Amino acid sequence: MKTLHCRDVGFDCEGVIKGTTDEEVLQQAAEHAFTVHGMTVTPELAEQVKTLIKEEA
């Protein structure tokens, strides 16, 4: 399972996105960023966020 904590991206947010692949996590993160934070994820930002995805047991 791969996870991304919204707080790690720099937001004061307890959101945690989980998925089986980096692409799945990135897609969900983009949806979360838009619906919760009102921001659109650019390809450049997606590459930066990808480095913050962690592998969880």
PDB file of N, CA and C in Angstrom:
ATOM      1  N   MET A   1       0.847  -1.181   0.000  1.00  0.00           N
ATOM      2  CA  MET A   1       0.000   0.000   0.000  1.00  0.00           C
ATOM      3  C   MET A   1       0.889   1.240   0.000  1.00  0.00           C
ATOM      4  N   LYS A   2       0.559   2.170  -0.846  1.00  0.00           N
ATOM      5  CA  LYS A   2       1.299   3.428  -0.927  1.00  0.00           C
ATOM      6  C   LYS A   2       0.446   4.523  -0.304  1.00  0.00           C
ATOM      7  N   THR A   3       1.091   5.425   0.413  1.00  0.00           N
ATOM      8  CA  THR A   3       0.361   6.501   1.078  1.00  0.00           C
ATOM      9  C   THR A   3       1.028   7.845   0.840  1.00  0.00           C
ATOM     10  N   LEU A   4       0.206   8.874   0.898  1.00  0.00           N
ATOM     11  CA  LEU A   4       0.674  10.246   0.817  1.00  0.00           C
ATOM     12  C   LEU A   4      -0.091  11.044   1.867  1.00  0.00           C
ATOM     13  N   HIS A   5       0.646  11.685   2.749  1.00  0.00           N
ATOM     14  CA  HIS A   5       0.040  12.533   3.773  1.00  0.00           C
ATOM     15  C   HIS A   5       0.007  13.959   3.242  1.00  0.00           C
ATOM     16  N   CYS A   6      -1.162  14.546   3.227  1.00  0.00           N
ATOM     17  CA  CYS A   6      -1.328  15.896   2.710  1.00  0.00           C
ATOM     18  C   CYS A   6      -0.406  16.868   3.464  1.00  0.00           C
ATOM     19  N   ARG A   7      -0.236  16.652   4.744  1.00  0.00           N
ATOM     20  CA  ARG A   7       0.631  17.507   5.555  1.00  0.00           C
ATOM     21  C   ARG A   7       2.064  17.523   5.003  1.00  0.00           C
ATOM     22  N   ASP A   8       2.524  16.386   4.451  1.00  0.00           N
ATOM     23  CA  ASP A   8       3.877  16.309   3.898  1.00  0.00           C
ATOM     24  C   ASP A   8       4.051  17.204   2.675  1.00  0.00           C
ATOM     25  N   VAL A   9       2.947  17.519   2.017  1.00  0.00           N
ATOM     26  CA  VAL A   9       2.996  18.379   0.835  1.00  0.00           C
ATOM     27  C   VAL A   9       3.042  19.854   1.247  1.00  0.00           C
ATOM     28  N   GLY A  10       2.705  20.121   2.526  1.00  0.00           N
ATOM     29  CA  GLY A  10       2.790  21.489   3.026  1.00  0.00           C
ATOM     30  C   GLY A  10       1.477  22.087   3.476  1.00  0.00           C
ATOM     31  N   PHE A  11       0.416  21.299   3.434  1.00  0.00           N
ATOM     32  CA  PHE A  11      -0.880  21.801   3.872  1.00  0.00           C
ATOM     33  C   PHE A  11      -1.130  21.465   5.336  1.00  0.00           C
ATOM     34  N   ASP A  12      -1.889  22.309   6.015  1.00  0.00           N
ATOM     35  CA  ASP A  12      -2.323  22.026   7.384  1.00  0.00           C
ATOM     36  C   ASP A  12      -3.589  21.180   7.258  1.00  0.00           C
ATOM     37  N   CYS A  13      -3.393  19.909   6.936  1.00  0.00           N
ATOM     38  CA  CYS A  13      -4.495  19.011   6.587  1.00  0.00           C
ATOM     39  C   CYS A  13      -4.137  17.607   7.048  1.00  0.00           C
ATOM     40  N   GLU A  14      -5.107  16.925   7.621  1.00  0.00           N
ATOM     41  CA  GLU A  14      -4.881  15.561   8.120  1.00  0.00           C
ATOM     42  C   GLU A  14      -5.163  14.496   7.058  1.00  0.00           C
ATOM     43  N   GLY A  15      -5.410  14.908   5.821  1.00  0.00           N
ATOM     44  CA  GLY A  15      -5.745  13.972   4.753  1.00  0.00           C
ATOM     45  C   GLY A  15      -4.632  12.972   4.479  1.00  0.00           C
ATOM     46  N   VAL A  16      -5.027  11.727   4.271  1.00  0.00           N
ATOM     47  CA  VAL A  16      -4.096  10.665   3.899  1.00  0.00           C
ATOM     48  C   VAL A  16      -4.674   9.964   2.681  1.00  0.00           C
ATOM     49  N   ILE A  17      -3.901   9.926   1.609  1.00  0.00           N
ATOM     50  CA  ILE A  17      -4.339   9.297   0.374  1.00  0.00           C
ATOM     51  C   ILE A  17      -3.630   7.954   0.264  1.00  0.00           C
ATOM     52  N   LYS A  18      -4.403   6.916  -0.065  1.00  0.00           N
ATOM     53  CA  LYS A  18      -3.847   5.567  -0.162  1.00  0.00           C
ATOM     54  C   LYS A  18      -4.186   4.961  -1.515  1.00  0.00           C
ATOM     55  N   GLY A  19      -3.271   4.147  -2.010  1.00  0.00           N
ATOM     56  CA  GLY A  19      -3.497   3.461  -3.269  1.00  0.00           C
ATOM     57  C   GLY A  19      -2.480   2.356  -3.458  1.00  0.00           C
ATOM     58  N   THR A  20      -2.661   1.597  -4.520  1.00  0.00           N
ATOM     59  CA  THR A  20      -1.753   0.482  -4.777  1.00  0.00           C
ATOM     60  C   THR A  20      -0.583   0.875  -5.683  1.00  0.00           C
ATOM     61  N   THR A  21      -0.745   1.970  -6.438  1.00  0.00           N
ATOM     62  CA  THR A  21       0.329   2.438  -7.323  1.00  0.00           C
ATOM     63  C   THR A  21       0.536   3.937  -7.114  1.00  0.00           C
ATOM     64  N   ASP A  22       1.707   4.426  -7.525  1.00  0.00           N
ATOM     65  CA  ASP A  22       1.976   5.866  -7.450  1.00  0.00           C
ATOM     66  C   ASP A  22       0.939   6.643  -8.255  1.00  0.00           C
ATOM     67  N   GLU A  23       0.594   6.120  -9.431  1.00  0.00           N
ATOM     68  CA  GLU A  23      -0.355   6.813 -10.301  1.00  0.00           C
ATOM     69  C   GLU A  23      -1.725   6.938  -9.632  1.00  0.00           C
ATOM     70  N   GLU A  24      -2.153   5.874  -8.960  1.00  0.00           N
ATOM     71  CA  GLU A  24      -3.442   5.901  -8.261  1.00  0.00           C
ATOM     72  C   GLU A  24      -3.413   6.946  -7.149  1.00  0.00           C
ATOM     73  N   VAL A  25      -2.328   6.981  -6.389  1.00  0.00           N
ATOM     74  CA  VAL A  25      -2.192   7.963  -5.309  1.00  0.00           C
ATOM     75  C   VAL A  25      -2.178   9.378  -5.881  1.00  0.00           C
ATOM     76  N   LEU A  26      -1.443   9.589  -6.964  1.00  0.00           N
ATOM     77  CA  LEU A  26      -1.373  10.913  -7.576  1.00  0.00           C
ATOM     78  C   LEU A  26      -2.727  11.374  -8.096  1.00  0.00           C
ATOM     79  N   GLN A  27      -3.491  10.464  -8.682  1.00  0.00           N
ATOM     80  CA  GLN A  27      -4.814  10.828  -9.178  1.00  0.00           C
ATOM     81  C   GLN A  27      -5.726  11.250  -8.030  1.00  0.00           C
ATOM     82  N   GLN A  28      -5.713  10.460  -6.956  1.00  0.00           N
ATOM     83  CA  GLN A  28      -6.534  10.798  -5.793  1.00  0.00           C
ATOM     84  C   GLN A  28      -6.048  12.091  -5.130  1.00  0.00           C
ATOM     85  N   ALA A  29      -4.728  12.296  -5.114  1.00  0.00           N
ATOM     86  CA  ALA A  29      -4.172  13.513  -4.528  1.00  0.00           C
ATOM     87  C   ALA A  29      -4.607  14.740  -5.325  1.00  0.00           C
ATOM     88  N   ALA A  30      -4.631  14.620  -6.647  1.00  0.00           N
ATOM     89  CA  ALA A  30      -5.069  15.733  -7.496  1.00  0.00           C
ATOM     90  C   ALA A  30      -6.536  16.060  -7.225  1.00  0.00           C
ATOM     91  N   GLU A  31      -7.366  15.035  -7.071  1.00  0.00           N
ATOM     92  CA  GLU A  31      -8.779  15.256  -6.756  1.00  0.00           C
ATOM     93  C   GLU A  31      -8.928  15.914  -5.391  1.00  0.00           C
ATOM     94  N   HIS A  32      -8.159  15.432  -4.404  1.00  0.00           N
ATOM     95  CA  HIS A  32      -8.189  16.000  -3.053  1.00  0.00           C
ATOM     96  C   HIS A  32      -7.734  17.466  -3.086  1.00  0.00           C
ATOM     97  N   ALA A  33      -6.645  17.732  -3.784  1.00  0.00           N
ATOM     98  CA  ALA A  33      -6.116  19.101  -3.864  1.00  0.00           C
ATOM     99  C   ALA A  33      -7.153  20.049  -4.454  1.00  0.00           C
ATOM    100  N   PHE A  34      -7.877  19.593  -5.465  1.00  0.00           N
ATOM    101  CA  PHE A  34      -8.873  20.444  -6.113  1.00  0.00           C
ATOM    102  C   PHE A  34     -10.105  20.640  -5.240  1.00  0.00           C
ATOM    103  N   THR A  35     -10.654  19.541  -4.707  1.00  0.00           N
ATOM    104  CA  THR A  35     -11.911  19.646  -3.969  1.00  0.00           C
ATOM    105  C   THR A  35     -11.732  20.250  -2.582  1.00  0.00           C
ATOM    106  N   VAL A  36     -10.626  19.939  -1.904  1.00  0.00           N
ATOM    107  CA  VAL A  36     -10.439  20.413  -0.530  1.00  0.00           C
ATOM    108  C   VAL A  36      -9.657  21.730  -0.485  1.00  0.00           C
ATOM    109  N   HIS A  37      -8.643  21.864  -1.324  1.00  0.00           N
ATOM    110  CA  HIS A  37      -7.759  23.019  -1.251  1.00  0.00           C
ATOM    111  C   HIS A  37      -7.930  23.999  -2.409  1.00  0.00           C
ATOM    112  N   GLY A  38      -8.781  23.653  -3.381  1.00  0.00           N
ATOM    113  CA  GLY A  38      -9.063  24.554  -4.497  1.00  0.00           C
ATOM    114  C   GLY A  38      -7.878  24.790  -5.415  1.00  0.00           C
ATOM    115  N   MET A  39      -6.989  23.810  -5.503  1.00  0.00           N
ATOM    116  CA  MET A  39      -5.830  23.996  -6.367  1.00  0.00           C
ATOM    117  C   MET A  39      -5.736  22.904  -7.418  1.00  0.00           C
ATOM    118  N   THR A  40      -5.222  23.268  -8.565  1.00  0.00           N
ATOM    119  CA  THR A  40      -5.013  22.326  -9.660  1.00  0.00           C
ATOM    120  C   THR A  40      -3.560  21.875  -9.632  1.00  0.00           C
ATOM    121  N   VAL A  41      -3.352  20.569  -9.746  1.00  0.00           N
ATOM    122  CA  VAL A  41      -2.007  20.007  -9.716  1.00  0.00           C
ATOM    123  C   VAL A  41      -1.424  20.031 -11.126  1.00  0.00           C
ATOM    124  N   THR A  42      -0.311  20.704 -11.269  1.00  0.00           N
ATOM    125  CA  THR A  42       0.398  20.757 -12.549  1.00  0.00           C
ATOM    126  C   THR A  42       1.286  19.516 -12.678  1.00  0.00           C
ATOM    127  N   PRO A  43       1.723  19.195 -13.891  1.00  0.00           N
ATOM    128  CA  PRO A  43       2.643  18.056 -14.047  1.00  0.00           C
ATOM    129  C   PRO A  43       3.923  18.220 -13.218  1.00  0.00           C
ATOM    130  N   GLU A  44       4.413  19.450 -13.111  1.00  0.00           N
ATOM    131  CA  GLU A  44       5.627  19.703 -12.326  1.00  0.00           C
ATOM    132  C   GLU A  44       5.375  19.424 -10.842  1.00  0.00           C
ATOM    133  N   LEU A  45       4.241  19.875 -10.340  1.00  0.00           N
ATOM    134  CA  LEU A  45       3.904  19.626  -8.937  1.00  0.00           C
ATOM    135  C   LEU A  45       3.697  18.137  -8.697  1.00  0.00           C
ATOM    136  N   ALA A  46       3.074  17.451  -9.641  1.00  0.00           N
ATOM    137  CA  ALA A  46       2.849  16.010  -9.507  1.00  0.00           C
ATOM    138  C   ALA A  46       4.173  15.270  -9.370  1.00  0.00           C
ATOM    139  N   GLU A  47       5.197  15.698 -10.121  1.00  0.00           N
ATOM    140  CA  GLU A  47       6.515  15.061 -10.015  1.00  0.00           C
ATOM    141  C   GLU A  47       7.117  15.282  -8.633  1.00  0.00           C
ATOM    142  N   GLN A  48       6.937  16.462  -8.071  1.00  0.00           N
ATOM    143  CA  GLN A  48       7.443  16.748  -6.726  1.00  0.00           C
ATOM    144  C   GLN A  48       6.687  15.930  -5.684  1.00  0.00           C
ATOM    145  N   VAL A  49       5.367  15.863  -5.837  1.00  0.00           N
ATOM    146  CA  VAL A  49       4.531  15.124  -4.884  1.00  0.00           C
ATOM    147  C   VAL A  49       4.870  13.635  -4.948  1.00  0.00           C
ATOM    148  N   LYS A  50       5.170  13.137  -6.117  1.00  0.00           N
ATOM    149  CA  LYS A  50       5.491  11.717  -6.291  1.00  0.00           C
ATOM    150  C   LYS A  50       6.641  11.289  -5.377  1.00  0.00           C
ATOM    151  N   THR A  51       7.578  12.193  -5.123  1.00  0.00           N
ATOM    152  CA  THR A  51       8.718  11.864  -4.257  1.00  0.00           C
ATOM    153  C   THR A  51       8.301  11.727  -2.794  1.00  0.00           C
ATOM    154  N   LEU A  52       7.106  12.197  -2.446  1.00  0.00           N
ATOM    155  CA  LEU A  52       6.632  12.144  -1.059  1.00  0.00           C
ATOM    156  C   LEU A  52       5.776  10.913  -0.763  1.00  0.00           C
ATOM    157  N   ILE A  53       5.478  10.122  -1.795  1.00  0.00           N
ATOM    158  CA  ILE A  53       4.683   8.910  -1.604  1.00  0.00           C
ATOM    159  C   ILE A  53       5.536   7.878  -0.897  1.00  0.00           C
ATOM    160  N   LYS A  54       4.959   7.284   0.141  1.00  0.00           N
ATOM    161  CA  LYS A  54       5.691   6.290   0.937  1.00  0.00           C
ATOM    162  C   LYS A  54       5.057   4.922   0.797  1.00  0.00           C
ATOM    163  N   GLU A  55       5.887   3.902   0.904  1.00  0.00           N
ATOM    164  CA  GLU A  55       5.429   2.513   0.892  1.00  0.00           C
ATOM    165  C   GLU A  55       5.130   2.122   2.328  1.00  0.00           C
ATOM    166  N   GLU A  56       3.892   1.685   2.589  1.00  0.00           N
ATOM    167  CA  GLU A  56       3.501   1.274   3.932  1.00  0.00           C
ATOM    168  C   GLU A  56       3.233  -0.231   3.936  1.00  0.00           C
ATOM    169  N   ALA A  57       3.459  -0.835   5.072  1.00  0.00           N
ATOM    170  CA  ALA A  57       3.242  -2.290   5.195  1.00  0.00           C
ATOM    171  C   ALA A  57       1.763  -2.627   5.201  1.00  0.00           C
TER     172      ALA A  57
END
